[in-house]
Protein backbone atom coordinates (compact mmCIF):
# COMPACT_ATOMS: atom_id res chain seq x y z
CA MET A 1 107.40 156.95 122.69
CA GLU A 2 104.32 155.39 124.20
CA GLU A 3 104.95 153.75 127.58
CA GLU A 4 103.61 150.35 128.51
CA LEU A 5 100.27 150.34 130.32
CA ARG A 6 100.06 148.65 133.73
CA THR A 7 97.63 148.51 136.62
CA CYS A 8 98.35 148.57 140.34
CA GLN A 9 96.03 146.50 142.53
CA ARG A 10 95.91 149.34 145.07
CA ASP A 11 96.22 152.53 142.98
CA GLY A 12 94.82 151.60 139.57
CA PRO A 13 96.18 152.04 136.01
CA PHE A 14 99.44 153.84 135.20
CA ARG A 15 101.95 154.26 132.36
CA GLY A 16 105.56 153.20 132.75
CA GLY A 17 107.55 150.69 134.75
CA GLN A 18 106.23 151.32 138.25
CA CYS A 19 103.22 152.79 140.01
CA PRO A 20 103.85 156.51 140.64
CA VAL A 21 102.04 156.24 144.00
CA CYS A 22 103.38 153.10 145.68
CA GLY A 23 106.24 152.09 143.38
CA SER A 24 104.98 148.57 142.62
CA ARG A 25 105.44 147.01 139.19
CA GLY A 26 101.77 146.17 138.95
CA LYS A 27 100.25 143.97 136.27
CA LEU A 28 101.02 144.49 132.58
CA LEU A 29 97.96 145.43 130.52
CA MET A 30 99.53 146.51 127.21
CA HIS A 31 103.00 146.70 125.72
CA GLU A 32 104.05 150.00 124.14
CA ASN A 33 103.26 148.86 120.61
CA GLU A 34 99.83 147.65 121.74
CA VAL A 35 99.06 151.02 123.34
CA GLU A 36 100.00 152.72 120.07
CA GLY A 37 98.03 150.22 117.98
CA VAL A 38 94.80 150.53 119.98
CA GLY A 39 95.22 154.30 120.10
CA ARG A 40 95.55 154.45 116.31
CA ILE A 41 92.33 152.47 115.86
CA LEU A 42 90.49 154.65 118.39
CA ALA A 43 91.61 157.79 116.55
CA GLY A 44 90.27 156.53 113.23
CA MET A 45 87.08 155.25 114.79
CA LEU A 46 86.23 158.26 116.98
CA ARG A 47 87.76 161.18 115.08
CA HIS A 48 87.76 160.48 111.37
CA PHE A 49 85.82 157.60 109.79
CA PRO A 50 83.57 155.63 112.17
CA GLU A 51 81.65 154.30 109.16
CA ASN A 52 84.75 152.35 108.09
CA TYR A 53 84.44 150.39 111.34
CA GLY A 54 80.70 149.92 111.12
CA ILE A 55 79.95 151.98 114.22
CA ARG A 56 77.68 154.98 114.71
CA LEU A 57 78.56 157.88 116.99
CA ASP A 58 75.85 160.05 118.49
CA ASP A 59 75.72 163.79 117.75
CA HIS A 60 78.28 164.49 120.49
CA GLY A 61 80.69 161.79 119.35
CA TRP A 62 79.86 159.19 122.01
CA VAL A 63 79.65 155.42 121.50
CA LYS A 64 79.30 152.55 123.98
CA ILE A 65 82.66 151.03 124.89
CA TYR A 66 81.36 147.47 124.81
CA THR A 67 80.30 147.89 121.17
CA ILE A 68 83.79 148.83 119.95
CA ILE A 69 85.63 145.94 121.62
CA PRO A 70 84.63 143.30 119.01
CA VAL A 71 85.37 145.83 116.25
CA ILE A 72 88.94 146.34 117.47
CA ARG A 73 89.40 142.60 117.94
CA ALA A 74 88.27 142.06 114.36
CA GLN A 75 90.66 144.73 113.08
CA LYS A 76 93.65 143.22 114.88
CA ARG A 77 93.29 139.54 115.71
CA ASN A 78 96.24 139.73 118.10
CA PHE A 79 94.03 141.98 120.29
CA TRP A 80 91.74 139.05 121.11
CA TRP A 81 92.39 139.70 124.83
CA LEU A 82 91.07 143.29 124.75
CA THR A 83 88.34 144.16 127.30
CA PRO A 84 86.53 147.38 128.26
CA TYR A 85 88.93 147.70 131.21
CA HIS A 86 91.90 147.99 128.82
CA ILE A 87 90.16 150.89 127.05
CA GLU A 88 89.25 152.56 130.34
CA ALA A 89 92.82 152.23 131.63
CA LEU A 90 94.23 153.63 128.38
CA VAL A 91 91.92 156.65 128.58
CA MET A 92 92.55 157.25 132.29
CA THR A 93 96.33 157.33 131.81
CA ASP A 94 96.55 159.18 128.49
CA PRO A 95 98.77 162.22 129.26
CA LYS A 96 97.14 164.26 126.49
CA GLY A 97 93.52 163.54 127.45
CA ARG A 98 92.72 162.46 123.90
CA TYR A 99 89.59 160.54 124.96
CA GLN A 100 86.77 160.87 127.45
CA ILE A 101 84.59 158.28 129.18
CA ASN A 102 81.25 159.16 130.74
CA GLU A 103 79.09 157.61 133.44
CA ARG A 104 77.06 155.74 130.80
CA GLY A 105 80.03 153.62 129.75
CA GLU A 106 80.57 155.61 126.54
CA ILE A 107 83.78 156.88 124.98
CA ARG A 108 84.55 159.74 122.60
CA ALA A 109 87.54 161.65 121.27
CA SER A 110 88.09 164.91 123.15
CA TYR A 111 89.40 166.80 120.11
CA GLY A 112 90.94 166.31 116.67
CA HIS A 113 87.69 165.47 114.84
CA THR A 114 87.48 165.76 111.08
CA ILE A 115 83.82 164.71 111.19
CA PRO A 116 80.99 166.98 112.41
CA ILE A 117 80.66 166.68 116.20
CA ASN A 118 78.61 168.80 118.59
CA VAL A 119 80.69 169.68 121.67
CA ASP A 120 78.20 171.92 123.50
CA ASP A 121 78.25 169.47 126.43
CA MET A 122 81.88 170.40 127.16
CA PRO A 123 82.70 173.05 129.81
CA GLU A 124 82.84 176.73 128.80
CA ASP A 125 85.44 177.87 131.32
CA ALA A 126 88.28 179.00 129.07
CA PRO A 127 90.64 181.75 130.30
CA ASP A 128 90.41 185.22 128.75
CA LYS A 129 93.40 184.58 126.46
CA LEU A 130 94.30 181.49 124.44
CA TYR A 131 96.76 180.88 121.61
CA TYR A 132 96.67 179.73 118.00
CA GLN A 133 99.46 178.52 115.74
CA THR A 134 99.65 179.58 112.11
CA THR A 135 102.30 180.43 109.52
CA ASP A 136 103.95 183.72 108.65
CA GLU A 137 102.25 183.59 105.25
CA GLU A 138 98.77 183.07 106.71
CA LEU A 139 99.09 185.54 109.58
CA GLU A 140 98.17 188.67 107.65
CA PHE A 141 95.37 186.80 105.90
CA ILE A 142 93.68 185.72 109.15
CA ARG A 143 94.03 189.26 110.52
CA GLU A 144 91.78 190.33 107.65
CA THR A 145 89.40 187.37 107.37
CA GLY A 146 89.50 185.64 110.76
CA ILE A 147 90.03 181.94 111.42
CA SER A 148 87.88 179.03 110.25
CA PRO A 149 88.41 175.28 110.69
CA SER A 150 90.70 173.84 108.03
CA ASP A 151 91.57 170.15 108.28
CA LYS A 152 89.45 169.67 111.42
CA SER A 153 85.82 170.41 112.22
CA TRP A 154 86.75 172.76 115.10
CA ILE A 155 89.48 175.35 115.57
CA HIS A 156 91.92 174.15 118.24
CA LEU A 157 93.39 176.66 120.70
CA SER A 158 96.16 176.11 123.26
CA LEU A 159 96.39 177.18 126.88
CA THR A 160 99.90 178.66 126.54
CA PRO A 161 102.03 180.10 123.71
CA ARG A 162 104.54 177.30 124.18
CA GLN A 163 101.89 174.61 123.75
CA ALA A 164 100.67 176.31 120.58
CA TYR A 165 104.21 176.51 119.23
CA VAL A 166 104.98 172.83 119.89
CA SER A 167 101.64 171.81 118.39
CA GLY A 168 102.46 173.86 115.30
CA LEU A 169 105.79 172.07 114.92
CA PHE A 170 103.91 168.85 114.25
CA HIS A 171 103.05 170.33 110.84
CA ILE A 172 105.47 173.16 109.99
CA ASP A 173 109.04 174.15 110.80
CA SER A 174 108.50 177.69 112.14
CA PRO A 175 105.01 178.27 113.58
CA ALA A 176 103.78 181.80 114.25
CA VAL A 177 101.78 181.98 117.50
CA VAL A 178 99.06 184.61 118.00
CA GLU A 179 96.96 185.56 121.00
CA ILE A 180 93.19 185.04 120.81
CA ASP A 181 90.81 187.31 122.73
CA VAL A 182 88.56 184.70 124.33
CA ALA A 183 86.82 187.24 126.56
CA GLY A 184 85.85 189.14 123.42
CA LEU A 185 84.57 185.96 121.78
CA ASN A 186 82.41 185.23 124.82
CA ASN A 187 81.00 188.75 124.82
CA ALA A 188 80.14 188.33 121.14
CA GLY A 189 78.22 185.13 121.89
CA ILE A 190 80.83 182.81 120.35
CA HIS A 191 81.26 179.72 122.51
CA VAL A 192 84.70 178.41 123.46
CA TYR A 193 84.74 174.88 124.88
CA ARG A 194 87.38 173.17 127.03
CA ALA A 195 88.21 169.74 125.59
CA THR A 196 91.13 169.10 127.98
CA ASP A 197 93.15 171.14 130.46
CA GLU A 198 95.26 172.40 127.54
CA VAL A 199 93.06 172.18 124.41
CA PHE A 200 90.06 174.40 123.66
CA LEU A 201 87.62 174.33 120.75
CA VAL A 202 85.79 177.12 118.92
CA LYS A 203 83.85 177.14 115.66
CA GLU A 204 84.94 180.53 114.32
CA ILE A 205 87.18 183.46 115.23
CA PRO A 206 86.34 186.79 113.55
CA PRO A 207 89.40 188.92 112.72
CA GLU A 208 88.83 191.46 115.51
CA PHE A 209 89.61 188.75 118.08
CA VAL A 210 92.98 187.80 116.55
CA GLY A 211 95.54 189.53 118.77
CA ASN A 212 99.26 190.14 118.80
CA ARG A 213 101.88 187.74 117.59
CA ILE A 214 103.92 186.19 120.42
CA GLU A 215 107.55 187.13 119.85
CA GLU A 216 108.99 184.85 122.53
CA ARG A 217 111.47 182.25 121.29
CA PHE A 218 111.00 178.72 122.58
CA GLU A 219 113.78 176.20 123.16
CA LEU A 220 112.36 172.70 123.02
CA THR A 221 113.07 170.18 125.74
CA PRO A 222 114.45 166.76 124.72
CA GLU A 223 110.99 165.29 125.41
CA GLU A 224 109.32 167.86 123.14
CA LYS A 225 111.87 167.22 120.38
CA ASP A 226 111.18 163.47 120.60
CA GLU A 227 107.41 164.04 120.48
CA VAL A 228 107.64 166.31 117.43
CA ALA A 229 109.88 163.79 115.64
CA GLN A 230 107.55 160.89 116.44
CA VAL A 231 104.42 162.75 115.30
CA ARG A 232 106.06 163.81 112.04
CA GLU A 233 107.27 160.27 111.42
CA ARG A 234 103.77 158.89 111.95
CA MET A 235 102.31 161.51 109.61
CA GLU A 236 104.86 160.64 106.92
CA ARG A 237 104.07 156.94 107.25
CA ARG A 238 100.36 157.69 107.00
CA MET A 239 100.85 159.81 103.89
CA LYS A 240 102.88 157.05 102.25
CA ARG A 241 100.17 154.50 103.06
CA ASP A 242 97.47 156.79 101.67
CA SER A 243 99.45 157.39 98.47
CA THR A 244 99.69 153.66 97.77
CA THR A 245 95.99 152.89 98.31
């Protein structure tokens, strides 16, 4: 569940009922449903179909924040109050780091693109090992052929096996998690980019860099169970909407 977005006069934006630094209630910026609604528009605009919103991203996925404000207001008339500060606060407090803002007042999605985006301006400081979620059926196949992007324009890797497993649960019931030899990719001249502290992007993974399957069993926390259920519910709603259009 998305938390309401507030701002503290002293410590800045935060999610939840009170400032985590000073404990004040702060000023309400967005209710939970408004955070989710703006986030949904940003995802469509910055990850999937900017042309549907009449905006143009640059080659690295950036667009000026001030240009998207009237677009969002037009999409949802009840967002007439939206300002660049609301977008900045949403990005600053997003626990998953889904968006980035630069010093030029531009915003982009950090990951999850289904459109071609150049990410060579992201850091290349990945650890030597990362993790990828797949299925039991596909595991032997990728050991022979390697990994290529499927529904996204970049392959997404996770910092830990657990993160890969939970991410896989968004789509399938029993993900298989494999280790990826990032040091080997780097030595082969294949770039691995850090999108967030936990998400890394790569364009291809030849089969020789697909490592062992992680046999550890993961017990989900209540928070992880809620997140998986919410993501699956949103995906089901989206599929139903798409099937009726």
